[in-house]
Amino acid sequence: MASYKQPCTQCGELIERDSRLCPKCASRTPFGHQCPNCLRPIERGNAVCSACGRPLMTTCFYCGGLTFVGVDKCDACGRFLMIRCENKICGEPQYFLTAKCTVCGKPIKKAKKQIERMKKGAI
């Protein structure tokens, strides 16, 4: 059976269409950006997510610069903006402003503590 591959939007590697990660660059959004709240496709330049209304620009907790919510790293300083799901079975990276895990659905209550540890370099 024929398998159709699609290029990763981050690095250009041809990967399977049903992939959730790019095996070459480890991008969590290989076919475009997703809203961190509802996981619907979003585009740079839009003010809000058309599905859930979440603002698509936010302030980086490291440098205070504006950054697009569809990426893992800050546009201004390049630092990683993801925190871990608190569910020990899940542990998936989540955007730092996400209220609940987009994989397992568990509420993320200790995000502020994780952010403070990241700022201090403990994580």
PDB file of N, CA and C in Angstrom:
ATOM      1  N   MET A   1       0.842  -1.177   0.000  1.00  0.00           N
ATOM      2  CA  MET A   1       0.000   0.000   0.000  1.00  0.00           C
ATOM      3  C   MET A   1       0.891   1.244   0.000  1.00  0.00           C
ATOM      4  N   ALA A   2       0.516   2.218  -0.797  1.00  0.00           N
ATOM      5  CA  ALA A   2       1.304   3.440  -0.914  1.00  0.00           C
ATOM      6  C   ALA A   2       1.216   4.267   0.355  1.00  0.00           C
ATOM      7  N   SER A   3       2.324   4.833   0.722  1.00  0.00           N
ATOM      8  CA  SER A   3       2.376   5.686   1.899  1.00  0.00           C
ATOM      9  C   SER A   3       2.792   7.079   1.448  1.00  0.00           C
ATOM     10  N   TYR A   4       1.993   8.064   1.751  1.00  0.00           N
ATOM     11  CA  TYR A   4       2.285   9.424   1.344  1.00  0.00           C
ATOM     12  C   TYR A   4       2.909  10.177   2.506  1.00  0.00           C
ATOM     13  N   LYS A   5       4.031  10.808   2.231  1.00  0.00           N
ATOM     14  CA  LYS A   5       4.720  11.563   3.262  1.00  0.00           C
ATOM     15  C   LYS A   5       4.567  13.049   2.998  1.00  0.00           C
ATOM     16  N   GLN A   6       4.725  13.805   4.045  1.00  0.00           N
ATOM     17  CA  GLN A   6       4.555  15.250   3.986  1.00  0.00           C
ATOM     18  C   GLN A   6       5.775  15.892   4.651  1.00  0.00           C
ATOM     19  N   PRO A   7       6.244  17.056   4.148  1.00  0.00           N
ATOM     20  CA  PRO A   7       7.414  17.667   4.772  1.00  0.00           C
ATOM     21  C   PRO A   7       7.081  18.319   6.117  1.00  0.00           C
ATOM     22  N   CYS A   8       7.997  18.197   7.056  1.00  0.00           N
ATOM     23  CA  CYS A   8       7.884  18.885   8.345  1.00  0.00           C
ATOM     24  C   CYS A   8       8.020  20.385   8.070  1.00  0.00           C
ATOM     25  N   THR A   9       7.158  21.193   8.658  1.00  0.00           N
ATOM     26  CA  THR A   9       7.214  22.646   8.432  1.00  0.00           C
ATOM     27  C   THR A   9       8.415  23.281   9.121  1.00  0.00           C
ATOM     28  N   GLN A  10       9.047  22.571  10.042  1.00  0.00           N
ATOM     29  CA  GLN A  10      10.178  23.128  10.771  1.00  0.00           C
ATOM     30  C   GLN A  10      11.516  22.829  10.088  1.00  0.00           C
ATOM     31  N   CYS A  11      11.694  21.583   9.590  1.00  0.00           N
ATOM     32  CA  CYS A  11      13.001  21.200   9.032  1.00  0.00           C
ATOM     33  C   CYS A  11      12.948  20.690   7.595  1.00  0.00           C
ATOM     34  N   GLY A  12      11.765  20.350   7.081  1.00  0.00           N
ATOM     35  CA  GLY A  12      11.632  19.877   5.707  1.00  0.00           C
ATOM     36  C   GLY A  12      11.725  18.372   5.532  1.00  0.00           C
ATOM     37  N   GLU A  13      12.011  17.624   6.585  1.00  0.00           N
ATOM     38  CA  GLU A  13      12.096  16.157   6.522  1.00  0.00           C
ATOM     39  C   GLU A  13      10.740  15.575   6.102  1.00  0.00           C
ATOM     40  N   LEU A  14      10.743  14.601   5.180  1.00  0.00           N
ATOM     41  CA  LEU A  14       9.509  13.934   4.777  1.00  0.00           C
ATOM     42  C   LEU A  14       9.125  12.909   5.834  1.00  0.00           C
ATOM     43  N   ILE A  15       7.924  13.058   6.403  1.00  0.00           N
ATOM     44  CA  ILE A  15       7.460  12.150   7.460  1.00  0.00           C
ATOM     45  C   ILE A  15       6.025  11.725   7.175  1.00  0.00           C
ATOM     46  N   GLU A  16       5.617  10.644   7.819  1.00  0.00           N
ATOM     47  CA  GLU A  16       4.256  10.123   7.644  1.00  0.00           C
ATOM     48  C   GLU A  16       3.220  11.175   8.053  1.00  0.00           C
ATOM     49  N   ARG A  17       2.111  11.203   7.353  1.00  0.00           N
ATOM     50  CA  ARG A  17       1.073  12.203   7.617  1.00  0.00           C
ATOM     51  C   ARG A  17       0.436  12.097   8.998  1.00  0.00           C
ATOM     52  N   ASP A  18       0.432  10.904   9.584  1.00  0.00           N
ATOM     53  CA  ASP A  18      -0.193  10.730  10.897  1.00  0.00           C
ATOM     54  C   ASP A  18       0.794  10.909  12.052  1.00  0.00           C
ATOM     55  N   SER A  19       2.018  11.370  11.759  1.00  0.00           N
ATOM     56  CA  SER A  19       3.028  11.580  12.804  1.00  0.00           C
ATOM     57  C   SER A  19       2.641  12.754  13.701  1.00  0.00           C
ATOM     58  N   ARG A  20       2.929  12.603  14.992  1.00  0.00           N
ATOM     59  CA  ARG A  20       2.700  13.689  15.953  1.00  0.00           C
ATOM     60  C   ARG A  20       3.983  14.450  16.243  1.00  0.00           C
ATOM     61  N   LEU A  21       5.125  13.827  15.923  1.00  0.00           N
ATOM     62  CA  LEU A  21       6.436  14.434  16.136  1.00  0.00           C
ATOM     63  C   LEU A  21       7.287  14.220  14.897  1.00  0.00           C
ATOM     64  N   CYS A  22       8.199  15.143  14.669  1.00  0.00           N
ATOM     65  CA  CYS A  22       9.168  14.941  13.595  1.00  0.00           C
ATOM     66  C   CYS A  22      10.354  14.180  14.171  1.00  0.00           C
ATOM     67  N   PRO A  23      10.732  13.026  13.582  1.00  0.00           N
ATOM     68  CA  PRO A  23      11.854  12.263  14.120  1.00  0.00           C
ATOM     69  C   PRO A  23      13.204  12.951  13.925  1.00  0.00           C
ATOM     70  N   LYS A  24      13.305  13.872  12.980  1.00  0.00           N
ATOM     71  CA  LYS A  24      14.574  14.546  12.722  1.00  0.00           C
ATOM     72  C   LYS A  24      14.801  15.738  13.668  1.00  0.00           C
ATOM     73  N   CYS A  25      13.815  16.646  13.763  1.00  0.00           N
ATOM     74  CA  CYS A  25      14.018  17.865  14.564  1.00  0.00           C
ATOM     75  C   CYS A  25      13.244  17.839  15.883  1.00  0.00           C
ATOM     76  N   ALA A  26      12.441  16.805  16.128  1.00  0.00           N
ATOM     77  CA  ALA A  26      11.650  16.628  17.351  1.00  0.00           C
ATOM     78  C   ALA A  26      10.561  17.679  17.517  1.00  0.00           C
ATOM     79  N   SER A  27      10.156  18.324  16.432  1.00  0.00           N
ATOM     80  CA  SER A  27       9.084  19.313  16.513  1.00  0.00           C
ATOM     81  C   SER A  27       7.775  18.638  16.895  1.00  0.00           C
ATOM     82  N   ARG A  28       7.055  19.266  17.837  1.00  0.00           N
ATOM     83  CA  ARG A  28       5.759  18.751  18.257  1.00  0.00           C
ATOM     84  C   ARG A  28       4.652  19.236  17.323  1.00  0.00           C
ATOM     85  N   THR A  29       5.003  20.100  16.379  1.00  0.00           N
ATOM     86  CA  THR A  29       4.034  20.610  15.410  1.00  0.00           C
ATOM     87  C   THR A  29       4.621  20.490  14.001  1.00  0.00           C
ATOM     88  N   PRO A  30       4.792  19.261  13.495  1.00  0.00           N
ATOM     89  CA  PRO A  30       5.474  19.104  12.215  1.00  0.00           C
ATOM     90  C   PRO A  30       4.674  19.565  10.991  1.00  0.00           C
ATOM     91  N   PHE A  31       3.373  19.726  11.112  1.00  0.00           N
ATOM     92  CA  PHE A  31       2.567  20.107   9.955  1.00  0.00           C
ATOM     93  C   PHE A  31       1.879  21.451  10.142  1.00  0.00           C
ATOM     94  N   GLY A  32       2.351  22.254  11.046  1.00  0.00           N
ATOM     95  CA  GLY A  32       1.754  23.554  11.306  1.00  0.00           C
ATOM     96  C   GLY A  32       1.551  23.749  12.788  1.00  0.00           C
ATOM     97  N   HIS A  33       1.129  24.917  13.168  1.00  0.00           N
ATOM     98  CA  HIS A  33       0.966  25.253  14.575  1.00  0.00           C
ATOM     99  C   HIS A  33      -0.418  24.863  15.081  1.00  0.00           C
ATOM    100  N   GLN A  34      -0.485  24.523  16.379  1.00  0.00           N
ATOM    101  CA  GLN A  34      -1.751  24.155  17.022  1.00  0.00           C
ATOM    102  C   GLN A  34      -1.981  25.040  18.228  1.00  0.00           C
ATOM    103  N   CYS A  35      -3.246  25.366  18.489  1.00  0.00           N
ATOM    104  CA  CYS A  35      -3.612  26.117  19.682  1.00  0.00           C
ATOM    105  C   CYS A  35      -3.284  25.261  20.903  1.00  0.00           C
ATOM    106  N   PRO A  36      -2.606  25.822  21.926  1.00  0.00           N
ATOM    107  CA  PRO A  36      -2.287  25.016  23.104  1.00  0.00           C
ATOM    108  C   PRO A  36      -3.505  24.638  23.943  1.00  0.00           C
ATOM    109  N   ASN A  37      -4.634  25.297  23.741  1.00  0.00           N
ATOM    110  CA  ASN A  37      -5.854  24.966  24.492  1.00  0.00           C
ATOM    111  C   ASN A  37      -6.683  23.897  23.811  1.00  0.00           C
ATOM    112  N   CYS A  38      -7.001  24.099  22.531  1.00  0.00           N
ATOM    113  CA  CYS A  38      -7.944  23.197  21.864  1.00  0.00           C
ATOM    114  C   CYS A  38      -7.307  22.331  20.773  1.00  0.00           C
ATOM    115  N   LEU A  39      -6.007  22.545  20.487  1.00  0.00           N
ATOM    116  CA  LEU A  39      -5.244  21.790  19.493  1.00  0.00           C
ATOM    117  C   LEU A  39      -5.728  21.968  18.056  1.00  0.00           C
ATOM    118  N   ARG A  40      -6.515  22.978  17.797  1.00  0.00           N
ATOM    119  CA  ARG A  40      -6.936  23.271  16.424  1.00  0.00           C
ATOM    120  C   ARG A  40      -5.807  23.997  15.690  1.00  0.00           C
ATOM    121  N   PRO A  41      -5.768  23.914  14.362  1.00  0.00           N
ATOM    122  CA  PRO A  41      -4.723  24.617  13.603  1.00  0.00           C
ATOM    123  C   PRO A  41      -4.837  26.137  13.787  1.00  0.00           C
ATOM    124  N   ILE A  42      -3.683  26.783  13.968  1.00  0.00           N
ATOM    125  CA  ILE A  42      -3.627  28.244  14.080  1.00  0.00           C
ATOM    126  C   ILE A  42      -2.524  28.763  13.167  1.00  0.00           C
ATOM    127  N   GLU A  43      -2.564  30.060  12.881  1.00  0.00           N
ATOM    128  CA  GLU A  43      -1.553  30.669  12.022  1.00  0.00           C
ATOM    129  C   GLU A  43      -0.986  31.907  12.676  1.00  0.00           C
ATOM    130  N   ARG A  44       0.294  32.142  12.426  1.00  0.00           N
ATOM    131  CA  ARG A  44       0.920  33.381  12.888  1.00  0.00           C
ATOM    132  C   ARG A  44       0.203  34.552  12.232  1.00  0.00           C
ATOM    133  N   GLY A  45       0.076  35.626  12.963  1.00  0.00           N
ATOM    134  CA  GLY A  45      -0.587  36.807  12.430  1.00  0.00           C
ATOM    135  C   GLY A  45      -2.037  36.941  12.866  1.00  0.00           C
ATOM    136  N   ASN A  46      -2.669  35.833  13.236  1.00  0.00           N
ATOM    137  CA  ASN A  46      -4.036  35.902  13.753  1.00  0.00           C
ATOM    138  C   ASN A  46      -3.984  36.350  15.208  1.00  0.00           C
ATOM    139  N   ALA A  47      -4.981  37.119  15.635  1.00  0.00           N
ATOM    140  CA  ALA A  47      -5.007  37.632  17.004  1.00  0.00           C
ATOM    141  C   ALA A  47      -5.458  36.570  18.004  1.00  0.00           C
ATOM    142  N   VAL A  48      -6.447  35.751  17.616  1.00  0.00           N
ATOM    143  CA  VAL A  48      -7.000  34.738  18.519  1.00  0.00           C
ATOM    144  C   VAL A  48      -7.236  33.435  17.752  1.00  0.00           C
ATOM    145  N   CYS A  49      -7.385  32.338  18.501  1.00  0.00           N
ATOM    146  CA  CYS A  49      -7.746  31.045  17.919  1.00  0.00           C
ATOM    147  C   CYS A  49      -9.210  31.133  17.480  1.00  0.00           C
ATOM    148  N   SER A  50      -9.496  30.734  16.262  1.00  0.00           N
ATOM    149  CA  SER A  50     -10.869  30.817  15.760  1.00  0.00           C
ATOM    150  C   SER A  50     -11.793  29.810  16.419  1.00  0.00           C
ATOM    151  N   ALA A  51     -11.241  28.755  17.036  1.00  0.00           N
ATOM    152  CA  ALA A  51     -12.074  27.729  17.667  1.00  0.00           C
ATOM    153  C   ALA A  51     -12.414  28.057  19.120  1.00  0.00           C
ATOM    154  N   CYS A  52     -11.404  28.469  19.916  1.00  0.00           N
ATOM    155  CA  CYS A  52     -11.656  28.673  21.346  1.00  0.00           C
ATOM    156  C   CYS A  52     -11.506  30.120  21.804  1.00  0.00           C
ATOM    157  N   GLY A  53     -10.986  30.997  20.955  1.00  0.00           N
ATOM    158  CA  GLY A  53     -10.865  32.411  21.299  1.00  0.00           C
ATOM    159  C   GLY A  53      -9.634  32.769  22.107  1.00  0.00           C
ATOM    160  N   ARG A  54      -8.717  31.832  22.303  1.00  0.00           N
ATOM    161  CA  ARG A  54      -7.511  32.106  23.080  1.00  0.00           C
ATOM    162  C   ARG A  54      -6.617  33.080  22.315  1.00  0.00           C
ATOM    163  N   PRO A  55      -6.066  34.110  22.993  1.00  0.00           N
ATOM    164  CA  PRO A  55      -5.112  35.005  22.328  1.00  0.00           C
ATOM    165  C   PRO A  55      -3.878  34.226  21.860  1.00  0.00           C
ATOM    166  N   LEU A  56      -3.371  34.547  20.673  1.00  0.00           N
ATOM    167  CA  LEU A  56      -2.266  33.796  20.097  1.00  0.00           C
ATOM    168  C   LEU A  56      -0.897  34.428  20.338  1.00  0.00           C
ATOM    169  N   MET A  57      -0.849  35.553  21.026  1.00  0.00           N
ATOM    170  CA  MET A  57       0.418  36.154  21.438  1.00  0.00           C
ATOM    171  C   MET A  57       0.413  36.236  22.962  1.00  0.00           C
ATOM    172  N   THR A  58       1.561  35.978  23.562  1.00  0.00           N
ATOM    173  CA  THR A  58       1.675  36.032  25.015  1.00  0.00           C
ATOM    174  C   THR A  58       3.049  36.569  25.389  1.00  0.00           C
ATOM    175  N   THR A  59       3.232  36.851  26.668  1.00  0.00           N
ATOM    176  CA  THR A  59       4.496  37.370  27.167  1.00  0.00           C
ATOM    177  C   THR A  59       5.364  36.222  27.690  1.00  0.00           C
ATOM    178  N   CYS A  60       6.602  36.183  27.264  1.00  0.00           N
ATOM    179  CA  CYS A  60       7.560  35.168  27.732  1.00  0.00           C
ATOM    180  C   CYS A  60       7.860  35.401  29.201  1.00  0.00           C
ATOM    181  N   PHE A  61       7.861  34.347  30.001  1.00  0.00           N
ATOM    182  CA  PHE A  61       8.147  34.492  31.424  1.00  0.00           C
ATOM    183  C   PHE A  61       9.632  34.670  31.705  1.00  0.00           C
ATOM    184  N   TYR A  62      10.493  34.456  30.701  1.00  0.00           N
ATOM    185  CA  TYR A  62      11.922  34.690  30.879  1.00  0.00           C
ATOM    186  C   TYR A  62      12.305  36.141  30.574  1.00  0.00           C
ATOM    187  N   CYS A  63      11.978  36.586  29.343  1.00  0.00           N
ATOM    188  CA  CYS A  63      12.480  37.886  28.886  1.00  0.00           C
ATOM    189  C   CYS A  63      11.425  38.982  28.847  1.00  0.00           C
ATOM    190  N   GLY A  64      10.151  38.619  28.967  1.00  0.00           N
ATOM    191  CA  GLY A  64       9.082  39.615  28.914  1.00  0.00           C
ATOM    192  C   GLY A  64       8.701  40.025  27.500  1.00  0.00           C
ATOM    193  N   GLY A  65       9.315  39.413  26.490  1.00  0.00           N
ATOM    194  CA  GLY A  65       9.003  39.731  25.103  1.00  0.00           C
ATOM    195  C   GLY A  65       7.749  39.009  24.626  1.00  0.00           C
ATOM    196  N   LEU A  66       7.133  39.532  23.566  1.00  0.00           N
ATOM    197  CA  LEU A  66       5.960  38.887  22.989  1.00  0.00           C
ATOM    198  C   LEU A  66       6.376  37.669  22.180  1.00  0.00           C
ATOM    199  N   THR A  67       5.598  36.607  22.294  1.00  0.00           N
ATOM    200  CA  THR A  67       5.884  35.385  21.556  1.00  0.00           C
ATOM    201  C   THR A  67       4.580  34.729  21.103  1.00  0.00           C
ATOM    202  N   PHE A  68       4.651  34.023  19.998  1.00  0.00           N
ATOM    203  CA  PHE A  68       3.522  33.298  19.425  1.00  0.00           C
ATOM    204  C   PHE A  68       3.294  32.012  20.219  1.00  0.00           C
ATOM    205  N   VAL A  69       2.045  31.694  20.541  1.00  0.00           N
ATOM    206  CA  VAL A  69       1.752  30.534  21.394  1.00  0.00           C
ATOM    207  C   VAL A  69       1.878  29.191  20.681  1.00  0.00           C
ATOM    208  N   GLY A  70       2.019  29.173  19.383  1.00  0.00           N
ATOM    209  CA  GLY A  70       2.082  27.918  18.642  1.00  0.00           C
ATOM    210  C   GLY A  70       3.455  27.298  18.559  1.00  0.00           C
ATOM    211  N   VAL A  71       4.438  27.861  19.253  1.00  0.00           N
ATOM    212  CA  VAL A  71       5.801  27.333  19.199  1.00  0.00           C
ATOM    213  C   VAL A  71       6.283  26.944  20.595  1.00  0.00           C
ATOM    214  N   ASP A  72       7.298  26.074  20.656  1.00  0.00           N
ATOM    215  CA  ASP A  72       7.827  25.598  21.935  1.00  0.00           C
ATOM    216  C   ASP A  72       8.790  26.578  22.582  1.00  0.00           C
ATOM    217  N   LYS A  73       9.378  27.466  21.774  1.00  0.00           N
ATOM    218  CA  LYS A  73      10.392  28.391  22.277  1.00  0.00           C
ATOM    219  C   LYS A  73       9.965  29.837  22.038  1.00  0.00           C
ATOM    220  N   CYS A  74      10.460  30.726  22.893  1.00  0.00           N
ATOM    221  CA  CYS A  74      10.157  32.147  22.797  1.00  0.00           C
ATOM    222  C   CYS A  74      10.723  32.722  21.498  1.00  0.00           C
ATOM    223  N   ASP A  75       9.938  33.544  20.804  1.00  0.00           N
ATOM    224  CA  ASP A  75      10.399  34.192  19.577  1.00  0.00           C
ATOM    225  C   ASP A  75      11.515  35.192  19.860  1.00  0.00           C
ATOM    226  N   ALA A  76      11.477  35.825  21.035  1.00  0.00           N
ATOM    227  CA  ALA A  76      12.450  36.863  21.362  1.00  0.00           C
ATOM    228  C   ALA A  76      13.769  36.308  21.895  1.00  0.00           C
ATOM    229  N   CYS A  77      13.709  35.420  22.899  1.00  0.00           N
ATOM    230  CA  CYS A  77      14.950  34.958  23.543  1.00  0.00           C
ATOM    231  C   CYS A  77      15.323  33.509  23.214  1.00  0.00           C
ATOM    232  N   GLY A  78      14.405  32.742  22.632  1.00  0.00           N
ATOM    233  CA  GLY A  78      14.700  31.368  22.236  1.00  0.00           C
ATOM    234  C   GLY A  78      14.652  30.332  23.348  1.00  0.00           C
ATOM    235  N   ARG A  79      14.217  30.721  24.546  1.00  0.00           N
ATOM    236  CA  ARG A  79      14.155  29.774  25.672  1.00  0.00           C
ATOM    237  C   ARG A  79      12.911  28.899  25.572  1.00  0.00           C
ATOM    238  N   PHE A  80      12.986  27.699  26.118  1.00  0.00           N
ATOM    239  CA  PHE A  80      11.921  26.702  26.085  1.00  0.00           C
ATOM    240  C   PHE A  80      10.751  27.132  26.969  1.00  0.00           C
ATOM    241  N   LEU A  81       9.522  27.082  26.450  1.00  0.00           N
ATOM    242  CA  LEU A  81       8.340  27.556  27.170  1.00  0.00           C
ATOM    243  C   LEU A  81       7.382  26.446  27.587  1.00  0.00           C
ATOM    244  N   MET A  82       7.855  25.209  27.602  1.00  0.00           N
ATOM    245  CA  MET A  82       6.976  24.093  27.923  1.00  0.00           C
ATOM    246  C   MET A  82       7.199  23.630  29.367  1.00  0.00           C
ATOM    247  N   ILE A  83       6.109  23.161  29.998  1.00  0.00           N
ATOM    248  CA  ILE A  83       6.180  22.554  31.329  1.00  0.00           C
ATOM    249  C   ILE A  83       5.683  21.121  31.202  1.00  0.00           C
ATOM    250  N   ARG A  84       5.901  20.302  32.195  1.00  0.00           N
ATOM    251  CA  ARG A  84       5.471  18.901  32.162  1.00  0.00           C
ATOM    252  C   ARG A  84       4.104  18.733  32.808  1.00  0.00           C
ATOM    253  N   CYS A  85       3.303  17.829  32.245  1.00  0.00           N
ATOM    254  CA  CYS A  85       2.035  17.438  32.861  1.00  0.00           C
ATOM    255  C   CYS A  85       2.366  16.803  34.208  1.00  0.00           C
ATOM    256  N   GLU A  86       1.553  17.104  35.218  1.00  0.00           N
ATOM    257  CA  GLU A  86       1.792  16.598  36.570  1.00  0.00           C
ATOM    258  C   GLU A  86       1.421  15.135  36.756  1.00  0.00           C
ATOM    259  N   ASN A  87       0.658  14.575  35.821  1.00  0.00           N
ATOM    260  CA  ASN A  87       0.281  13.172  35.881  1.00  0.00           C
ATOM    261  C   ASN A  87       1.534  12.321  35.632  1.00  0.00           C
ATOM    262  N   LYS A  88       1.928  11.496  36.600  1.00  0.00           N
ATOM    263  CA  LYS A  88       3.162  10.715  36.490  1.00  0.00           C
ATOM    264  C   LYS A  88       3.124   9.718  35.341  1.00  0.00           C
ATOM    265  N   ILE A  89       1.952   9.263  34.969  1.00  0.00           N
ATOM    266  CA  ILE A  89       1.822   8.326  33.852  1.00  0.00           C
ATOM    267  C   ILE A  89       1.987   9.063  32.529  1.00  0.00           C
ATOM    268  N   CYS A  90       1.506  10.292  32.455  1.00  0.00           N
ATOM    269  CA  CYS A  90       1.537  11.084  31.228  1.00  0.00           C
ATOM    270  C   CYS A  90       2.874  11.821  31.089  1.00  0.00           C
ATOM    271  N   GLY A  91       3.067  12.889  31.849  1.00  0.00           N
ATOM    272  CA  GLY A  91       4.308  13.653  31.828  1.00  0.00           C
ATOM    273  C   GLY A  91       4.622  14.384  30.535  1.00  0.00           C
ATOM    274  N   GLU A  92       3.633  14.532  29.652  1.00  0.00           N
ATOM    275  CA  GLU A  92       3.855  15.169  28.355  1.00  0.00           C
ATOM    276  C   GLU A  92       4.119  16.669  28.501  1.00  0.00           C
ATOM    277  N   PRO A  93       4.982  17.238  27.649  1.00  0.00           N
ATOM    278  CA  PRO A  93       5.207  18.683  27.681  1.00  0.00           C
ATOM    279  C   PRO A  93       3.940  19.442  27.292  1.00  0.00           C
ATOM    280  N   GLN A  94       3.668  20.520  28.007  1.00  0.00           N
ATOM    281  CA  GLN A  94       2.491  21.348  27.774  1.00  0.00           C
ATOM    282  C   GLN A  94       2.921  22.806  27.737  1.00  0.00           C
ATOM    283  N   TYR A  95       2.196  23.629  26.974  1.00  0.00           N
ATOM    284  CA  TYR A  95       2.507  25.053  26.929  1.00  0.00           C
ATOM    285  C   TYR A  95       2.304  25.648  28.315  1.00  0.00           C
ATOM    286  N   PHE A  96       3.135  26.578  28.744  1.00  0.00           N
ATOM    287  CA  PHE A  96       3.146  27.035  30.135  1.00  0.00           C
ATOM    288  C   PHE A  96       1.861  27.710  30.603  1.00  0.00           C
ATOM    289  N   LEU A  97       1.000  28.151  29.712  1.00  0.00           N
ATOM    290  CA  LEU A  97      -0.268  28.773  30.114  1.00  0.00           C
ATOM    291  C   LEU A  97      -1.468  27.844  29.990  1.00  0.00           C
ATOM    292  N   THR A  98      -1.246  26.578  29.654  1.00  0.00           N
ATOM    293  CA  THR A  98      -2.328  25.619  29.489  1.00  0.00           C
ATOM    294  C   THR A  98      -2.879  25.210  30.861  1.00  0.00           C
ATOM    295  N   ALA A  99      -4.205  25.232  31.003  1.00  0.00           N
ATOM    296  CA  ALA A  99      -4.851  24.922  32.285  1.00  0.00           C
ATOM    297  C   ALA A  99      -4.954  23.422  32.549  1.00  0.00           C
ATOM    298  N   LYS A 100      -5.082  22.625  31.474  1.00  0.00           N
ATOM    299  CA  LYS A 100      -5.145  21.171  31.656  1.00  0.00           C
ATOM    300  C   LYS A 100      -4.360  20.505  30.537  1.00  0.00           C
ATOM    301  N   CYS A 101      -3.869  19.325  30.817  1.00  0.00           N
ATOM    302  CA  CYS A 101      -3.058  18.580  29.860  1.00  0.00           C
ATOM    303  C   CYS A 101      -3.880  18.274  28.606  1.00  0.00           C
ATOM    304  N   THR A 102      -3.295  18.528  27.447  1.00  0.00           N
ATOM    305  CA  THR A 102      -3.999  18.263  26.191  1.00  0.00           C
ATOM    306  C   THR A 102      -3.927  16.789  25.799  1.00  0.00           C
ATOM    307  N   VAL A 103      -3.169  15.979  26.553  1.00  0.00           N
ATOM    308  CA  VAL A 103      -3.068  14.544  26.279  1.00  0.00           C
ATOM    309  C   VAL A 103      -3.973  13.753  27.209  1.00  0.00           C
ATOM    310  N   CYS A 104      -3.800  13.938  28.534  1.00  0.00           N
ATOM    311  CA  CYS A 104      -4.567  13.131  29.494  1.00  0.00           C
ATOM    312  C   CYS A 104      -5.736  13.884  30.137  1.00  0.00           C
ATOM    313  N   GLY A 105      -5.762  15.211  30.027  1.00  0.00           N
ATOM    314  CA  GLY A 105      -6.871  15.999  30.563  1.00  0.00           C
ATOM    315  C   GLY A 105      -6.731  16.413  32.020  1.00  0.00           C
ATOM    316  N   LYS A 106      -5.643  16.025  32.687  1.00  0.00           N
ATOM    317  CA  LYS A 106      -5.458  16.382  34.104  1.00  0.00           C
ATOM    318  C   LYS A 106      -5.187  17.887  34.232  1.00  0.00           C
ATOM    319  N   PRO A 107      -5.839  18.547  35.214  1.00  0.00           N
ATOM    320  CA  PRO A 107      -5.548  19.970  35.443  1.00  0.00           C
ATOM    321  C   PRO A 107      -4.080  20.169  35.835  1.00  0.00           C
ATOM    322  N   ILE A 108      -3.487  21.241  35.332  1.00  0.00           N
ATOM    323  CA  ILE A 108      -2.106  21.573  35.664  1.00  0.00           C
ATOM    324  C   ILE A 108      -2.152  22.666  36.727  1.00  0.00           C
ATOM    325  N   LYS A 109      -1.878  22.282  37.973  1.00  0.00           N
ATOM    326  CA  LYS A 109      -2.020  23.190  39.106  1.00  0.00           C
ATOM    327  C   LYS A 109      -0.694  23.791  39.548  1.00  0.00           C
ATOM    328  N   LYS A 110       0.402  23.113  39.281  1.00  0.00           N
ATOM    329  CA  LYS A 110       1.699  23.559  39.790  1.00  0.00           C
ATOM    330  C   LYS A 110       2.542  24.240  38.715  1.00  0.00           C
ATOM    331  N   ALA A 111       1.903  24.843  37.718  1.00  0.00           N
ATOM    332  CA  ALA A 111       2.636  25.480  36.622  1.00  0.00           C
ATOM    333  C   ALA A 111       3.533  26.604  37.120  1.00  0.00           C
ATOM    334  N   LYS A 112       3.037  27.407  38.053  1.00  0.00           N
ATOM    335  CA  LYS A 112       3.839  28.521  38.562  1.00  0.00           C
ATOM    336  C   LYS A 112       5.109  28.031  39.243  1.00  0.00           C
ATOM    337  N   LYS A 113       5.018  26.918  39.976  1.00  0.00           N
ATOM    338  CA  LYS A 113       6.201  26.361  40.642  1.00  0.00           C
ATOM    339  C   LYS A 113       7.210  25.854  39.607  1.00  0.00           C
ATOM    340  N   GLN A 114       6.707  25.198  38.553  1.00  0.00           N
ATOM    341  CA  GLN A 114       7.600  24.710  37.506  1.00  0.00           C
ATOM    342  C   GLN A 114       8.293  25.871  36.804  1.00  0.00           C
ATOM    343  N   ILE A 115       7.551  26.944  36.541  1.00  0.00           N
ATOM    344  CA  ILE A 115       8.120  28.119  35.872  1.00  0.00           C
ATOM    345  C   ILE A 115       9.208  28.742  36.735  1.00  0.00           C
ATOM    346  N   GLU A 116       8.964  28.861  38.030  1.00  0.00           N
ATOM    347  CA  GLU A 116       9.969  29.431  38.937  1.00  0.00           C
ATOM    348  C   GLU A 116      11.232  28.578  38.963  1.00  0.00           C
ATOM    349  N   ARG A 117      11.078  27.248  38.975  1.00  0.00           N
ATOM    350  CA  ARG A 117      12.248  26.361  38.939  1.00  0.00           C
ATOM    351  C   ARG A 117      12.993  26.499  37.615  1.00  0.00           C
ATOM    352  N   MET A 118      12.247  26.662  36.511  1.00  0.00           N
ATOM    353  CA  MET A 118      12.894  26.837  35.208  1.00  0.00           C
ATOM    354  C   MET A 118      13.689  28.141  35.164  1.00  0.00           C
ATOM    355  N   LYS A 119      13.137  29.203  35.746  1.00  0.00           N
ATOM    356  CA  LYS A 119      13.843  30.487  35.768  1.00  0.00           C
ATOM    357  C   LYS A 119      15.140  30.383  36.551  1.00  0.00           C
ATOM    358  N   LYS A 120      15.140  29.582  37.624  1.00  0.00           N
ATOM    359  CA  LYS A 120      16.333  29.412  38.453  1.00  0.00           C
ATOM    360  C   LYS A 120      17.315  28.417  37.840  1.00  0.00           C
ATOM    361  N   GLY A 121      16.878  27.725  36.784  1.00  0.00           N
ATOM    362  CA  GLY A 121      17.753  26.753  36.129  1.00  0.00           C
ATOM    363  C   GLY A 121      17.726  25.381  36.763  1.00  0.00           C
ATOM    364  N   ALA A 122      16.709  25.113  37.603  1.00  0.00           N
ATOM    365  CA  ALA A 122      16.621  23.814  38.267  1.00  0.00           C
ATOM    366  C   ALA A 122      16.061  22.733  37.363  1.00  0.00           C
ATOM    367  N   ILE A 123      15.385  23.113  36.288  1.00  0.00           N
ATOM    368  CA  ILE A 123      14.806  22.126  35.368  1.00  0.00           C
ATOM    369  C   ILE A 123      15.541  22.200  34.039  1.00  0.00           C
TER     370      ILE A 123
END
